[in-house]
C-alpha cells in the first residue's frame, strides 16, 4: 500500500504539473494572439496614416501648383493681336497689337497662318510695295512692349480685300518673354467675314461726318449758283 500510495502521489503531482504547463502554454498562446492582433491593428493604422499623409501631400502639391500658376499669370504680359475696322475711316482695317498685361513684354513674336496679304500688294505687286508679312515687327519681333502700349497699323481696305478674294480668316500665335522667362503662348482667331455680313447699328465715324458735311457744302454751292443765275436773268 505504501508503494501504491507513493506512485499515486507522484502521478497526481505529474498531472498537476502537466495541467499547469498546459494552462501556461495557453496563456502564452493567447497573449501571442493578442499581441499579433495588436500588431496587425498598429500596422493597419500606420498604413492608413501613410495613405492619408500621401493624399495630404498630393492636395498640398496641387494647391501649390494652382497658386503658382495664378501668381505667374498675374505677372505675365498678355499681348493681344487683332484686325479691327477703323473708327475714323469707313471700310479701312487696322492691325492692332496691345499688351493688356501688367508687366513688360519682351521679344514679342507674332505668326499669322496663313501669312498676311493685303489688297494693295495683290493689286500693285509685291516688288513695289513689299509684303506686310516682311515688316520688321513680324520678321524681327518687337523688342519691348510696355503694359497698355497699343500699336496700330493701317492694314487694308475692306472692300478691296473682298474683291481680291484674299483670306479673311487667320490663326495667330503670339509668343513673348515676361519677368520670369517665356510667357504662355497665346493663340487667337481673327475672322474678317463678320465685317462683310449683316451689321448692327453703330455710331457714324468722324470720316462719315466729314463726308456728310462735304455733301451739304456741295449742295449749298449748287443752290448758290442757281440763285446767282436767276438774279442775272
C-alpha atoms as a PDB file:
ATOM      1  CA  UNK A   1       0.000   0.000   0.000  1.00  0.00           C
ATOM      2  CA  UNK A   2       2.864   2.333   0.739  1.00  0.00           C
ATOM      3  CA  UNK A   3       4.332   1.891  -2.741  1.00  0.00           C
ATOM      4  CA  UNK A   4       0.980   2.359  -4.467  1.00  0.00           C
ATOM      5  CA  UNK A   5       0.230   5.468  -2.416  1.00  0.00           C
ATOM      6  CA  UNK A   6       3.585   6.966  -3.319  1.00  0.00           C
ATOM      7  CA  UNK A   7       3.062   6.217  -7.011  1.00  0.00           C
ATOM      8  CA  UNK A   8      -0.377   7.770  -6.826  1.00  0.00           C
ATOM      9  CA  UNK A   9       1.013  10.919  -5.259  1.00  0.00           C
ATOM     10  CA  UNK A  10       3.691  11.120  -7.914  1.00  0.00           C
ATOM     11  CA  UNK A  11       1.076  10.656 -10.652  1.00  0.00           C
ATOM     12  CA  UNK A  12      -1.156  13.357  -9.179  1.00  0.00           C
ATOM     13  CA  UNK A  13       1.771  15.761  -8.905  1.00  0.00           C
ATOM     14  CA  UNK A  14       2.781  14.986 -12.511  1.00  0.00           C
ATOM     15  CA  UNK A  15      -0.769  15.553 -13.731  1.00  0.00           C
ATOM     16  CA  UNK A  16      -0.935  18.845 -11.844  1.00  0.00           C
ATOM     17  CA  UNK A  17       2.336  19.962 -13.375  1.00  0.00           C
ATOM     18  CA  UNK A  18       1.082  18.962 -16.842  1.00  0.00           C
ATOM     19  CA  UNK A  19      -2.156  20.909 -16.326  1.00  0.00           C
ATOM     20  CA  UNK A  20      -0.189  23.910 -15.068  1.00  0.00           C
ATOM     21  CA  UNK A  21       2.156  23.706 -18.064  1.00  0.00           C
ATOM     22  CA  UNK A  22      -0.790  23.439 -20.472  1.00  0.00           C
ATOM     23  CA  UNK A  23      -2.505  26.426 -18.818  1.00  0.00           C
ATOM     24  CA  UNK A  24       0.700  28.445 -19.026  1.00  0.00           C
ATOM     25  CA  UNK A  25       1.119  27.466 -22.680  1.00  0.00           C
ATOM     26  CA  UNK A  26      -2.471  28.517 -23.349  1.00  0.00           C
ATOM     27  CA  UNK A  27      -1.899  31.890 -21.697  1.00  0.00           C
ATOM     28  CA  UNK A  28       1.244  32.398 -23.727  1.00  0.00           C
ATOM     29  CA  UNK A  29      -0.575  31.468 -26.941  1.00  0.00           C
ATOM     30  CA  UNK A  30      -3.453  33.796 -26.042  1.00  0.00           C
ATOM     31  CA  UNK A  31      -1.009  36.600 -25.279  1.00  0.00           C
ATOM     32  CA  UNK A  32       0.758  35.923 -28.571  1.00  0.00           C
ATOM     33  CA  UNK A  33      -2.552  36.098 -30.466  1.00  0.00           C
ATOM     34  CA  UNK A  34      -3.454  39.358 -28.745  1.00  0.00           C
ATOM     35  CA  UNK A  35      -0.022  40.721 -29.474  1.00  0.00           C
ATOM     36  CA  UNK A  36      -0.329  39.668 -33.131  1.00  0.00           C
ATOM     37  CA  UNK A  37      -3.787  41.249 -33.362  1.00  0.00           C
ATOM     38  CA  UNK A  38      -2.479  44.442 -31.800  1.00  0.00           C
ATOM     39  CA  UNK A  39       0.441  44.424 -34.211  1.00  0.00           C
ATOM     40  CA  UNK A  40      -1.953  43.978 -37.158  1.00  0.00           C
ATOM     41  CA  UNK A  41      -4.065  46.887 -35.942  1.00  0.00           C
ATOM     42  CA  UNK A  42      -0.967  49.019 -35.490  1.00  0.00           C
ATOM     43  CA  UNK A  43       0.164  48.088 -38.991  1.00  0.00           C
ATOM     44  CA  UNK A  44      -3.270  48.950 -40.410  1.00  0.00           C
ATOM     45  CA  UNK A  45      -3.251  52.274 -38.560  1.00  0.00           C
ATOM     46  CA  UNK A  46       0.241  53.034 -39.866  1.00  0.00           C
ATOM     47  CA  UNK A  47      -0.868  52.171 -43.414  1.00  0.00           C
ATOM     48  CA  UNK A  48      -3.907  54.442 -43.120  1.00  0.00           C
ATOM     49  CA  UNK A  49      -1.720  57.230 -41.775  1.00  0.00           C
ATOM     50  CA  UNK A  50       0.697  56.769 -44.661  1.00  0.00           C
ATOM     51  CA  UNK A  51      -2.160  56.900 -47.200  1.00  0.00           C
ATOM     52  CA  UNK A  52      -3.620  59.981 -45.510  1.00  0.00           C
ATOM     53  CA  UNK A  53      -0.213  61.675 -45.476  1.00  0.00           C
ATOM     54  CA  UNK A  54       0.233  60.873 -49.180  1.00  0.00           C
ATOM     55  CA  UNK A  55      -3.208  62.308 -50.010  1.00  0.00           C
ATOM     56  CA  UNK A  56      -2.456  65.433 -47.962  1.00  0.00           C
ATOM     57  CA  UNK A  57       0.849  65.825 -49.786  1.00  0.00           C
ATOM     58  CA  UNK A  58      -0.906  65.478 -53.175  1.00  0.00           C
ATOM     59  CA  UNK A  59      -3.525  68.076 -52.166  1.00  0.00           C
ATOM     60  CA  UNK A  60      -0.823  70.455 -50.920  1.00  0.00           C
ATOM     61  CA  UNK A  61       1.145  69.997 -54.152  1.00  0.00           C
ATOM     62  CA  UNK A  62      -1.978  70.700 -56.232  1.00  0.00           C
ATOM     63  CA  UNK A  63      -2.761  73.818 -54.204  1.00  0.00           C
ATOM     64  CA  UNK A  64       0.820  74.997 -54.617  1.00  0.00           C
ATOM     65  CA  UNK A  65       0.690  74.446 -58.383  1.00  0.00           C
ATOM     66  CA  UNK A  66      -2.594  76.365 -58.670  1.00  0.00           C
ATOM     67  CA  UNK A  67      -1.267  79.224 -56.520  1.00  0.00           C
ATOM     68  CA  UNK A  68       1.958  79.336 -58.509  1.00  0.00           C
ATOM     69  CA  UNK A  69       0.067  79.332 -61.815  1.00  0.00           C
ATOM     70  CA  UNK A  70      -2.205  82.179 -60.688  1.00  0.00           C
ATOM     71  CA  UNK A  71       0.792  84.181 -59.493  1.00  0.00           C
ATOM     72  CA  UNK A  72       2.640  83.622 -62.785  1.00  0.00           C
ATOM     73  CA  UNK A  73      -0.431  84.502 -64.861  1.00  0.00           C
ATOM     74  CA  UNK A  74      -0.806  87.737 -62.905  1.00  0.00           C
ATOM     75  CA  UNK A  75       2.827  88.604 -63.578  1.00  0.00           C
ATOM     76  CA  UNK A  76       2.919  87.561 -67.243  1.00  0.00           C
ATOM     77  CA  UNK A  77       2.352  90.069 -70.075  1.00  0.00           C
ATOM     78  CA  UNK A  78      -0.622  89.491 -72.390  1.00  0.00           C
ATOM     79  CA  UNK A  79      -0.144  90.626 -75.960  1.00  0.00           C
ATOM     80  CA  UNK A  80      -3.381  90.801 -77.949  1.00  0.00           C
ATOM     81  CA  UNK A  81      -3.378  90.874 -81.762  1.00  0.00           C
ATOM     82  CA  UNK A  82      -6.464  91.784 -83.776  1.00  0.00           C
ATOM     83  CA  UNK A  83      -7.624  93.317 -87.049  1.00  0.00           C
ATOM     84  CA  UNK A  84     -10.298  95.955 -86.489  1.00  0.00           C
ATOM     85  CA  UNK A  85     -12.343  98.334 -88.558  1.00  0.00           C
ATOM     86  CA  UNK A  86     -11.134 101.911 -88.278  1.00  0.00           C
ATOM     87  CA  UNK A  87     -13.384 104.126 -86.111  1.00  0.00           C
ATOM     88  CA  UNK A  88     -12.387 107.129 -88.242  1.00  0.00           C
ATOM     89  CA  UNK A  89     -12.440 105.950 -91.862  1.00  0.00           C
ATOM     90  CA  UNK A  90     -15.203 103.703 -93.132  1.00  0.00           C
ATOM     91  CA  UNK A  91     -14.021 100.431 -94.656  1.00  0.00           C
ATOM     92  CA  UNK A  92     -10.389 100.728 -93.591  1.00  0.00           C
ATOM     93  CA  UNK A  93      -8.865  97.981 -91.461  1.00  0.00           C
ATOM     94  CA  UNK A  94      -6.199  98.402 -88.806  1.00  0.00           C
ATOM     95  CA  UNK A  95      -3.834  95.810 -87.379  1.00  0.00           C
ATOM     96  CA  UNK A  96      -3.792  96.285 -83.596  1.00  0.00           C
ATOM     97  CA  UNK A  97      -1.148  94.931 -81.202  1.00  0.00           C
ATOM     98  CA  UNK A  98      -1.590  95.690 -77.490  1.00  0.00           C
ATOM     99  CA  UNK A  99      -0.104  94.492 -74.211  1.00  0.00           C
ATOM    100  CA  UNK A 100      -3.061  94.285 -71.803  1.00  0.00           C
ATOM    101  CA  UNK A 101      -0.970  92.685 -69.043  1.00  0.00           C
ATOM    102  CA  UNK A 102       0.684  94.344 -66.049  1.00  0.00           C
ATOM    103  CA  UNK A 103       4.318  93.665 -66.956  1.00  0.00           C
ATOM    104  CA  UNK A 104       6.632  94.415 -69.874  1.00  0.00           C
ATOM    105  CA  UNK A 105       6.510  92.004 -72.817  1.00  0.00           C
ATOM    106  CA  UNK A 106       9.915  91.363 -74.358  1.00  0.00           C
ATOM    107  CA  UNK A 107      10.922  89.640 -77.582  1.00  0.00           C
ATOM    108  CA  UNK A 108       7.350  89.514 -78.868  1.00  0.00           C
ATOM    109  CA  UNK A 109       6.980  87.136 -81.825  1.00  0.00           C
ATOM    110  CA  UNK A 110       3.805  87.134 -83.930  1.00  0.00           C
ATOM    111  CA  UNK A 111       2.974  84.495 -86.514  1.00  0.00           C
ATOM    112  CA  UNK A 112      -0.064  84.547 -88.832  1.00  0.00           C
ATOM    113  CA  UNK A 113      -1.420  81.436 -90.507  1.00  0.00           C
ATOM    114  CA  UNK A 114      -1.927  81.834 -93.429  1.00  0.00           C
ATOM    115  CA  UNK A 115       0.661  84.605 -93.921  1.00  0.00           C
ATOM    116  CA  UNK A 116      -0.790  88.124 -94.120  1.00  0.00           C
ATOM    117  CA  UNK A 117      -1.558  89.633 -97.516  1.00  0.00           C
ATOM    118  CA  UNK A 118      -3.207  92.914 -98.435  1.00  0.00           C
ATOM    119  CA  UNK A 119      -5.162  94.028-101.479  1.00  0.00           C
ATOM    120  CA  UNK A 120      -2.520  96.710-102.052  1.00  0.00           C
ATOM    121  CA  UNK A 121       0.245  94.205-102.720  1.00  0.00           C
ATOM    122  CA  UNK A 122      -2.147  91.907-104.595  1.00  0.00           C
ATOM    123  CA  UNK A 123      -3.122  94.743-106.954  1.00  0.00           C
ATOM    124  CA  UNK A 124       0.135  96.685-107.359  1.00  0.00           C
ATOM    125  CA  UNK A 125       2.666  93.909-106.955  1.00  0.00           C
ATOM    126  CA  UNK A 126       4.928  92.750-104.175  1.00  0.00           C
ATOM    127  CA  UNK A 127       8.058  94.227-105.703  1.00  0.00           C
ATOM    128  CA  UNK A 128       6.702  97.788-105.445  1.00  0.00           C
ATOM    129  CA  UNK A 129       5.134  97.887-102.002  1.00  0.00           C
ATOM    130  CA  UNK A 130       6.539  94.758-100.368  1.00  0.00           C
ATOM    131  CA  UNK A 131       4.739  92.238 -98.199  1.00  0.00           C
ATOM    132  CA  UNK A 132       3.302  93.232 -94.841  1.00  0.00           C
ATOM    133  CA  UNK A 133       4.458  89.875 -93.510  1.00  0.00           C
ATOM    134  CA  UNK A 134       8.050  91.051 -94.135  1.00  0.00           C
ATOM    135  CA  UNK A 135       7.629  94.085 -91.866  1.00  0.00           C
ATOM    136  CA  UNK A 136      10.152  94.277 -89.012  1.00  0.00           C
ATOM    137  CA  UNK A 137       7.537  93.621 -86.320  1.00  0.00           C
ATOM    138  CA  UNK A 138       6.930  90.211 -87.903  1.00  0.00           C
ATOM    139  CA  UNK A 139      10.408  89.437 -89.262  1.00  0.00           C
ATOM    140  CA  UNK A 140      12.392  90.526 -86.172  1.00  0.00           C
ATOM    141  CA  UNK A 141       9.718  90.713 -83.485  1.00  0.00           C
ATOM    142  CA  UNK A 142       9.058  93.532 -81.044  1.00  0.00           C
ATOM    143  CA  UNK A 143      11.915  94.001 -78.593  1.00  0.00           C
ATOM    144  CA  UNK A 144       9.783  95.551 -75.831  1.00  0.00           C
ATOM    145  CA  UNK A 145       6.089  96.314 -75.357  1.00  0.00           C
ATOM    146  CA  UNK A 146       5.201  98.030 -72.045  1.00  0.00           C
ATOM    147  CA  UNK A 147       1.848  97.474 -70.288  1.00  0.00           C
ATOM    148  CA  UNK A 148      -1.096  99.195 -72.025  1.00  0.00           C
ATOM    149  CA  UNK A 149       1.093 100.021 -75.027  1.00  0.00           C
ATOM    150  CA  UNK A 150      -1.039  99.868 -78.176  1.00  0.00           C
ATOM    151  CA  UNK A 151       0.352  99.747 -81.716  1.00  0.00           C
ATOM    152  CA  UNK A 152      -1.927 100.437 -84.685  1.00  0.00           C
ATOM    153  CA  UNK A 153      -1.029  99.925 -88.341  1.00  0.00           C
ATOM    154  CA  UNK A 154      -3.139 100.686 -91.406  1.00  0.00           C
ATOM    155  CA  UNK A 155      -3.692  97.214 -92.781  1.00  0.00           C
ATOM    156  CA  UNK A 156      -6.058  97.254 -95.741  1.00  0.00           C
ATOM    157  CA  UNK A 157      -9.280  98.488 -97.290  1.00  0.00           C
ATOM    158  CA  UNK A 158     -12.079  96.005 -96.614  1.00  0.00           C
ATOM    159  CA  UNK A 159     -13.996  96.226 -99.940  1.00  0.00           C
ATOM    160  CA  UNK A 160     -10.773  95.754-101.911  1.00  0.00           C
ATOM    161  CA  UNK A 161      -9.941  92.621 -99.922  1.00  0.00           C
ATOM    162  CA  UNK A 162     -13.364  91.246-100.683  1.00  0.00           C
ATOM    163  CA  UNK A 163     -12.937  91.986-104.379  1.00  0.00           C
ATOM    164  CA  UNK A 164      -9.480  90.389-104.487  1.00  0.00           C
ATOM    165  CA  UNK A 165     -10.731  87.273-102.687  1.00  0.00           C
ATOM    166  CA  UNK A 166      -7.995  87.376-100.043  1.00  0.00           C
ATOM    167  CA  UNK A 167      -8.013  85.313 -96.864  1.00  0.00           C
ATOM    168  CA  UNK A 168     -10.431  86.550 -94.233  1.00  0.00           C
ATOM    169  CA  UNK A 169      -9.665  84.020 -91.510  1.00  0.00           C
ATOM    170  CA  UNK A 170      -6.365  83.945 -89.645  1.00  0.00           C
ATOM    171  CA  UNK A 171      -4.938  81.940 -86.783  1.00  0.00           C
ATOM    172  CA  UNK A 172      -2.435  83.990 -84.783  1.00  0.00           C
ATOM    173  CA  UNK A 173       0.292  82.697 -82.460  1.00  0.00           C
ATOM    174  CA  UNK A 174       1.872  85.211 -80.067  1.00  0.00           C
ATOM    175  CA  UNK A 175       4.949  84.357 -78.014  1.00  0.00           C
ATOM    176  CA  UNK A 176       6.696  86.707 -75.588  1.00  0.00           C
ATOM    177  CA  UNK A 177       9.023  86.775 -72.603  1.00  0.00           C
ATOM    178  CA  UNK A 178       7.869  88.028 -69.213  1.00  0.00           C
ATOM    179  CA  UNK A 179       9.708  88.827 -65.975  1.00  0.00           C
ATOM    180  CA  UNK A 180      10.047  85.093 -65.212  1.00  0.00           C
ATOM    181  CA  UNK A 181      11.039  83.905 -68.664  1.00  0.00           C
ATOM    182  CA  UNK A 182       8.815  82.710 -71.531  1.00  0.00           C
ATOM    183  CA  UNK A 183       5.126  83.517 -71.029  1.00  0.00           C
ATOM    184  CA  UNK A 184       2.415  81.076 -72.014  1.00  0.00           C
ATOM    185  CA  UNK A 185       1.889  81.242 -75.816  1.00  0.00           C
ATOM    186  CA  UNK A 186      -1.343  82.990 -76.787  1.00  0.00           C
ATOM    187  CA  UNK A 187      -3.472  81.863 -79.739  1.00  0.00           C
ATOM    188  CA  UNK A 188      -6.137  83.986 -81.412  1.00  0.00           C
ATOM    189  CA  UNK A 189      -8.556  83.527 -84.292  1.00  0.00           C
ATOM    190  CA  UNK A 190      -9.435  86.518 -86.467  1.00  0.00           C
ATOM    191  CA  UNK A 191     -12.475  86.274 -88.732  1.00  0.00           C
ATOM    192  CA  UNK A 192     -12.894  89.260 -91.046  1.00  0.00           C
ATOM    193  CA  UNK A 193     -16.033  87.780 -92.608  1.00  0.00           C
ATOM    194  CA  UNK A 194     -18.119  89.303 -89.813  1.00  0.00           C
ATOM    195  CA  UNK A 195     -17.266  92.739 -91.244  1.00  0.00           C
ATOM    196  CA  UNK A 196     -18.996  91.894 -94.520  1.00  0.00           C
ATOM    197  CA  UNK A 197     -22.184  90.313 -93.188  1.00  0.00           C
ATOM    198  CA  UNK A 198     -25.243  91.925 -91.566  1.00  0.00           C
ATOM    199  CA  UNK A 199     -24.073  94.675 -89.224  1.00  0.00           C
ATOM    200  CA  UNK A 200     -25.534  96.071 -86.047  1.00  0.00           C
ATOM    201  CA  UNK A 201     -26.204  99.766 -85.975  1.00  0.00           C
ATOM    202  CA  UNK A 202     -23.135 101.718 -84.924  1.00  0.00           C
ATOM    203  CA  UNK A 203     -22.425 105.444 -84.467  1.00  0.00           C
ATOM    204  CA  UNK A 204     -21.191 107.338 -87.504  1.00  0.00           C
ATOM    205  CA  UNK A 205     -17.434 107.790 -87.715  1.00  0.00           C
ATOM    206  CA  UNK A 206     -15.783 111.248 -87.944  1.00  0.00           C
ATOM    207  CA  UNK A 207     -14.853 110.379 -91.520  1.00  0.00           C
ATOM    208  CA  UNK A 208     -18.514 109.777 -92.379  1.00  0.00           C
ATOM    209  CA  UNK A 209     -19.392 113.074 -90.674  1.00  0.00           C
ATOM    210  CA  UNK A 210     -16.867 114.903 -92.857  1.00  0.00           C
ATOM    211  CA  UNK A 211     -18.307 113.239 -95.960  1.00  0.00           C
ATOM    212  CA  UNK A 212     -21.828 114.313 -94.958  1.00  0.00           C
ATOM    213  CA  UNK A 213     -20.686 117.935 -94.411  1.00  0.00           C
ATOM    214  CA  UNK A 214     -18.918 117.892 -97.762  1.00  0.00           C
ATOM    215  CA  UNK A 215     -22.119 116.755 -99.480  1.00  0.00           C
ATOM    216  CA  UNK A 216     -24.055 119.563 -97.754  1.00  0.00           C
ATOM    217  CA  UNK A 217     -21.402 122.069 -98.811  1.00  0.00           C
ATOM    218  CA  UNK A 218     -21.647 120.976-102.438  1.00  0.00           C
ATOM    219  CA  UNK A 219     -25.449 121.138-102.339  1.00  0.00           C
ATOM    220  CA  UNK A 220     -25.319 124.686-100.920  1.00  0.00           C
ATOM    221  CA  UNK A 221     -22.857 125.725-103.622  1.00  0.00           C
ATOM    222  CA  UNK A 222     -25.207 124.370-106.290  1.00  0.00           C
ATOM    223  CA  UNK A 223     -28.123 126.313-104.761  1.00  0.00           C
ATOM    224  CA  UNK A 224     -25.979 129.439-104.591  1.00  0.00           C
ATOM    225  CA  UNK A 225     -25.056 129.094-108.273  1.00  0.00           C
ATOM    226  CA  UNK A 226     -28.699 128.660-109.270  1.00  0.00           C
ATOM    227  CA  UNK A 227     -29.726 131.715-107.247  1.00  0.00           C
ATOM    228  CA  UNK A 228     -26.988 133.816-108.835  1.00  0.00           C
ATOM    229  CA  UNK A 229     -28.016 132.667-112.286  1.00  0.00           C
ATOM    230  CA  UNK A 230     -31.642 133.675-111.594  1.00  0.00           C
ATOM    231  CA  UNK A 231     -30.546 137.139-110.430  1.00  0.00           C
ATOM    232  CA  UNK A 232     -28.564 137.713-113.619  1.00  0.00           C
ATOM    233  CA  UNK A 233     -31.635 136.931-115.691  1.00  0.00           C
END
